C-alpha atoms as a PDB file:
ATOM      1  CA  MET A   1       0.000   0.000   0.000  1.00  0.00           C
ATOM      2  CA  ASP A   2       1.383   3.410  -0.954  1.00  0.00           C
ATOM      3  CA  LYS A   3       2.052   5.802   1.893  1.00  0.00           C
ATOM      4  CA  PHE A   4       2.616   9.437   1.050  1.00  0.00           C
ATOM      5  CA  PRO A   5       2.883  12.915   2.592  1.00  0.00           C
ATOM      6  CA  PRO A   6      -0.307  14.843   3.389  1.00  0.00           C
ATOM      7  CA  VAL A   7      -2.164  16.045   0.325  1.00  0.00           C
ATOM      8  CA  ALA A   8      -2.991  19.437   1.853  1.00  0.00           C
ATOM      9  CA  ALA A   9      -0.596  22.178   2.922  1.00  0.00           C
ATOM     10  CA  VAL A  10      -0.671  23.852   6.325  1.00  0.00           C
ATOM     11  CA  THR A  11      -1.979  27.029   4.692  1.00  0.00           C
ATOM     12  CA  ALA A  12      -4.770  25.319   2.729  1.00  0.00           C
ATOM     13  CA  LYS A  13      -8.273  26.613   3.495  1.00  0.00           C
ATOM     14  CA  GLY A  14     -11.677  25.124   2.846  1.00  0.00           C
ATOM     15  CA  PRO A  15     -14.972  27.000   2.502  1.00  0.00           C
ATOM     16  CA  LEU A  16     -14.876  28.034   6.180  1.00  0.00           C
ATOM     17  CA  GLY A  17     -11.585  29.831   5.491  1.00  0.00           C
ATOM     18  CA  ILE A  18      -9.704  28.077   8.307  1.00  0.00           C
ATOM     19  CA  VAL A  19      -6.061  27.261   7.573  1.00  0.00           C
ATOM     20  CA  HIS A  20      -4.704  23.822   8.417  1.00  0.00           C
ATOM     21  CA  LEU A  21      -8.156  22.269   8.823  1.00  0.00           C
ATOM     22  CA  PRO A  22      -7.935  20.601   5.360  1.00  0.00           C
ATOM     23  CA  ARG A  23      -4.486  19.254   6.280  1.00  0.00           C
ATOM     24  CA  MET A  24      -5.693  17.912   9.625  1.00  0.00           C
ATOM     25  CA  TRP A  25      -8.565  16.127   7.850  1.00  0.00           C
ATOM     26  CA  ALA A  26      -6.299  14.810   5.067  1.00  0.00           C
ATOM     27  CA  LYS A  27      -3.665  13.489   7.469  1.00  0.00           C
ATOM     28  CA  ALA A  28      -6.275  11.809   9.663  1.00  0.00           C
ATOM     29  CA  LEU A  29      -8.030  10.262   6.658  1.00  0.00           C
ATOM     30  CA  GLN A  30      -4.751   9.099   5.132  1.00  0.00           C
ATOM     31  CA  HIS A  31      -3.813   7.609   8.507  1.00  0.00           C
ATOM     32  CA  ALA A  32      -7.213   5.908   8.866  1.00  0.00           C
ATOM     33  CA  THR A  33      -6.821   4.293   5.450  1.00  0.00           C
ATOM     34  CA  GLY A  34      -3.151   3.363   5.875  1.00  0.00           C
ATOM     35  CA  HIS A  35      -1.850   5.883   3.331  1.00  0.00           C
ATOM     36  CA  LEU A  36      -0.048   8.418   5.542  1.00  0.00           C
ATOM     37  CA  ASN A  37       3.737   8.406   5.334  1.00  0.00           C
ATOM     38  CA  ASP A  38       5.153   7.011   8.580  1.00  0.00           C
ATOM     39  CA  ASP A  39       7.105  10.241   9.211  1.00  0.00           C
ATOM     40  CA  TYR A  40       3.881  12.100  10.026  1.00  0.00           C
ATOM     41  CA  ILE A  41       2.012  12.214  13.313  1.00  0.00           C
ATOM     42  CA  VAL A  42      -1.730  12.763  13.551  1.00  0.00           C
ATOM     43  CA  GLY A  43      -3.371  14.784  16.305  1.00  0.00           C
ATOM     44  CA  CYS A  44      -0.302  16.630  17.579  1.00  0.00           C
ATOM     45  CA  GLY A  45       1.449  19.902  16.851  1.00  0.00           C
ATOM     46  CA  LEU A  46      -0.525  22.086  14.482  1.00  0.00           C
ATOM     47  CA  ASP A  47      -3.460  19.622  14.493  1.00  0.00           C
ATOM     48  CA  ARG A  48      -3.825  20.128  18.224  1.00  0.00           C
ATOM     49  CA  ALA A  49      -3.311  23.903  17.870  1.00  0.00           C
ATOM     50  CA  ILE A  50      -6.159  24.303  15.373  1.00  0.00           C
ATOM     51  CA  ALA A  51      -8.464  22.090  17.429  1.00  0.00           C
ATOM     52  CA  LYS A  52      -7.703  24.184  20.523  1.00  0.00           C
ATOM     53  CA  ALA A  53      -8.220  27.447  18.626  1.00  0.00           C
ATOM     54  CA  LEU A  54     -11.638  26.232  17.458  1.00  0.00           C
ATOM     55  CA  GLY A  55     -12.536  24.749  20.832  1.00  0.00           C
ATOM     56  CA  ILE A  56     -13.061  21.219  19.525  1.00  0.00           C
ATOM     57  CA  ASP A  57     -11.934  17.926  21.047  1.00  0.00           C
ATOM     58  CA  MET A  58      -9.003  16.575  18.996  1.00  0.00           C
ATOM     59  CA  GLU A  59      -9.583  12.943  19.933  1.00  0.00           C
ATOM     60  CA  LYS A  60     -13.289  13.192  19.099  1.00  0.00           C
ATOM     61  CA  ALA A  61     -12.426  14.679  15.692  1.00  0.00           C
ATOM     62  CA  LEU A  62      -9.964  11.851  14.992  1.00  0.00           C
ATOM     63  CA  ARG A  63     -12.532   9.224  16.025  1.00  0.00           C
ATOM     64  CA  TYR A  64     -15.077  10.841  13.699  1.00  0.00           C
ATOM     65  CA  ILE A  65     -12.686  10.738  10.755  1.00  0.00           C
ATOM     66  CA  GLN A  66     -11.585   7.177  11.586  1.00  0.00           C
ATOM     67  CA  SER A  67     -15.111   5.817  11.850  1.00  0.00           C
ATOM     68  CA  GLU A  68     -17.037   7.875   9.288  1.00  0.00           C
ATOM     69  CA  ARG A  69     -14.330   8.711   6.734  1.00  0.00           C
ATOM     70  CA  PRO A  70     -16.119  11.938   5.797  1.00  0.00           C
ATOM     71  CA  THR A  71     -15.540  14.088   2.757  1.00  0.00           C
ATOM     72  CA  TYR A  72     -13.901  17.402   3.540  1.00  0.00           C
ATOM     73  CA  HIS A  73     -17.248  19.184   3.262  1.00  0.00           C
ATOM     74  CA  GLU A  74     -18.803  16.706   5.699  1.00  0.00           C
ATOM     75  CA  PHE A  75     -15.887  17.271   8.074  1.00  0.00           C
ATOM     76  CA  GLU A  76     -16.338  21.051   7.972  1.00  0.00           C
ATOM     77  CA  ASN A  77     -20.055  20.587   8.675  1.00  0.00           C
ATOM     78  CA  TRP A  78     -19.125  18.393  11.657  1.00  0.00           C
ATOM     79  CA  ILE A  79     -16.728  21.105  12.887  1.00  0.00           C
ATOM     80  CA  VAL A  80     -19.481  23.735  12.675  1.00  0.00           C
ATOM     81  CA  ALA A  81     -21.844  21.458  14.612  1.00  0.00           C
ATOM     82  CA  GLU A  82     -19.162  20.888  17.267  1.00  0.00           C
ATOM     83  CA  CYS A  83     -18.785  24.669  17.537  1.00  0.00           C
ATOM     84  CA  GLY A  84     -22.454  25.130  18.355  1.00  0.00           C
ATOM     85  CA  GLY A  85     -23.768  25.596  14.825  1.00  0.00           C
ATOM     86  CA  SER A  86     -21.685  28.539  13.681  1.00  0.00           C
ATOM     87  CA  ILE A  87     -18.150  29.879  13.671  1.00  0.00           C
ATOM     88  CA  SER A  88     -17.672  33.623  13.858  1.00  0.00           C
ATOM     89  CA  ALA A  89     -15.314  35.560  11.616  1.00  0.00           C
ATOM     90  CA  ASP A  90     -13.361  36.498  14.746  1.00  0.00           C
ATOM     91  CA  THR A  91     -12.890  32.818  15.610  1.00  0.00           C
ATOM     92  CA  VAL A  92     -11.707  32.055  12.065  1.00  0.00           C
ATOM     93  CA  GLU A  93      -9.252  34.946  12.206  1.00  0.00           C
ATOM     94  CA  ALA A  94      -7.957  33.909  15.639  1.00  0.00           C
ATOM     95  CA  ALA A  95      -7.596  30.267  14.543  1.00  0.00           C
ATOM     96  CA  ASN A  96      -5.700  31.295  11.412  1.00  0.00           C
ATOM     97  CA  ASP A  97      -3.440  33.589  13.430  1.00  0.00           C
ATOM     98  CA  ALA A  98      -2.812  30.789  15.926  1.00  0.00           C
ATOM     99  CA  ILE A  99      -1.492  28.536  13.144  1.00  0.00           C
ATOM    100  CA  LEU A 100       0.272  31.066  10.944  1.00  0.00           C
ATOM    101  CA  ASN A 101       2.133  32.701  13.827  1.00  0.00           C
ATOM    102  CA  ILE A 102       3.549  29.547  15.437  1.00  0.00           C
ATOM    103  CA  GLN A 103       7.323  29.746  15.457  1.00  0.00           C
ATOM    104  CA  PHE A 104       9.573  26.772  16.101  1.00  0.00           C
ATOM    105  CA  ASP A 105      12.182  27.287  18.785  1.00  0.00           C
ATOM    106  CA  ALA A 106      15.599  28.190  17.403  1.00  0.00           C
ATOM    107  CA  GLU A 107      17.088  24.689  17.660  1.00  0.00           C
ATOM    108  CA  HIS A 108      14.076  22.938  16.095  1.00  0.00           C
ATOM    109  CA  ALA A 109      13.950  25.476  13.260  1.00  0.00           C
ATOM    110  CA  LYS A 110      17.691  25.042  12.675  1.00  0.00           C
ATOM    111  CA  GLU A 111      17.261  21.249  12.470  1.00  0.00           C
ATOM    112  CA  PHE A 112      14.455  21.669   9.917  1.00  0.00           C
ATOM    113  CA  ARG A 113      16.514  24.093   7.830  1.00  0.00           C
ATOM    114  CA  GLU A 114      19.558  21.795   7.878  1.00  0.00           C
ATOM    115  CA  GLU A 115      17.475  18.749   6.958  1.00  0.00           C
ATOM    116  CA  LEU A 116      15.903  20.697   4.104  1.00  0.00           C
ATOM    117  CA  GLY A 117      19.279  21.947   2.874  1.00  0.00           C
ATOM    118  CA  LEU A 118      18.353  25.593   3.313  1.00  0.00           C
ATOM    119  CA  PRO A 119      21.199  28.109   3.395  1.00  0.00           C
ATOM    120  CA  GLU A 120      22.733  28.733   6.811  1.00  0.00           C
ATOM    121  CA  GLU A 121      21.671  32.385   6.669  1.00  0.00           C
ATOM    122  CA  SER A 122      18.027  31.417   6.148  1.00  0.00           C
ATOM    123  CA  ASN A 123      16.030  32.516   9.141  1.00  0.00           C
ATOM    124  CA  LEU A 124      12.783  30.673   8.465  1.00  0.00           C
ATOM    125  CA  SER A 125      11.290  29.550  11.752  1.00  0.00           C
ATOM    126  CA  GLY A 126       7.548  29.571  11.083  1.00  0.00           C
ATOM    127  CA  ALA A 127       5.938  26.177  11.536  1.00  0.00           C
ATOM    128  CA  ALA A 128       3.662  26.652   8.512  1.00  0.00           C
ATOM    129  CA  ASP A 129       6.563  27.490   6.185  1.00  0.00           C
ATOM    130  CA  LEU A 130       8.915  24.802   7.445  1.00  0.00           C
ATOM    131  CA  ASP A 131       6.221  22.108   7.526  1.00  0.00           C
ATOM    132  CA  THR A 132       5.243  22.961   3.947  1.00  0.00           C
ATOM    133  CA  LEU A 133       8.857  22.825   2.746  1.00  0.00           C
ATOM    134  CA  ASP A 134       9.265  19.511   4.564  1.00  0.00           C
ATOM    135  CA  ASP A 135       6.133  18.153   2.840  1.00  0.00           C
ATOM    136  CA  TRP A 136       7.580  19.075  -0.542  1.00  0.00           C
ATOM    137  CA  ALA A 137      10.872  17.367   0.320  1.00  0.00           C
ATOM    138  CA  GLN A 138       9.009  14.245   1.485  1.00  0.00           C
ATOM    139  CA  PHE A 139       6.849  14.320  -1.653  1.00  0.00           C
ATOM    140  CA  HIS A 140       9.941  14.578  -3.837  1.00  0.00           C
ATOM    141  CA  ARG A 141      11.540  11.599  -2.091  1.00  0.00           C
ATOM    142  CA  TRP A 142       8.322   9.604  -2.463  1.00  0.00           C
ATOM    143  CA  MET A 143       7.924  10.451  -6.169  1.00  0.00           C
ATOM    144  CA  THR A 144      11.557   9.758  -7.056  1.00  0.00           C
ATOM    145  CA  ALA A 145      12.074   6.608  -4.971  1.00  0.00           C
END
């Protein structure tokens, strides 16, 4: 069975306009079906950050995806229901800020940059940027193996 990197980037948005939610869904669905590359973890890091920002239970969301295997639209509808039937623009903005402003600590960012072969003077430390670059590197390895 083929295992591959997540099919959605950290910055991907669905109709609700919430970054990372499509990636969380994709990773969980890929994991549930045995298609997620073993280098990825589901329900931690940015997954947990977006769940916290929206006020949803991460484990409950993962169980829903595992058992129901929803489409992305169905998953967004489930999220809205879990949030009491609506999500305000302020909540969307705060959730997006929570993800897009996460910075790795200096050592973790340095490890990412070295692993990705980025120049020493590169100062990228944002989790969204470094995770996306890592996805592309993993995808390249998968496609060229």
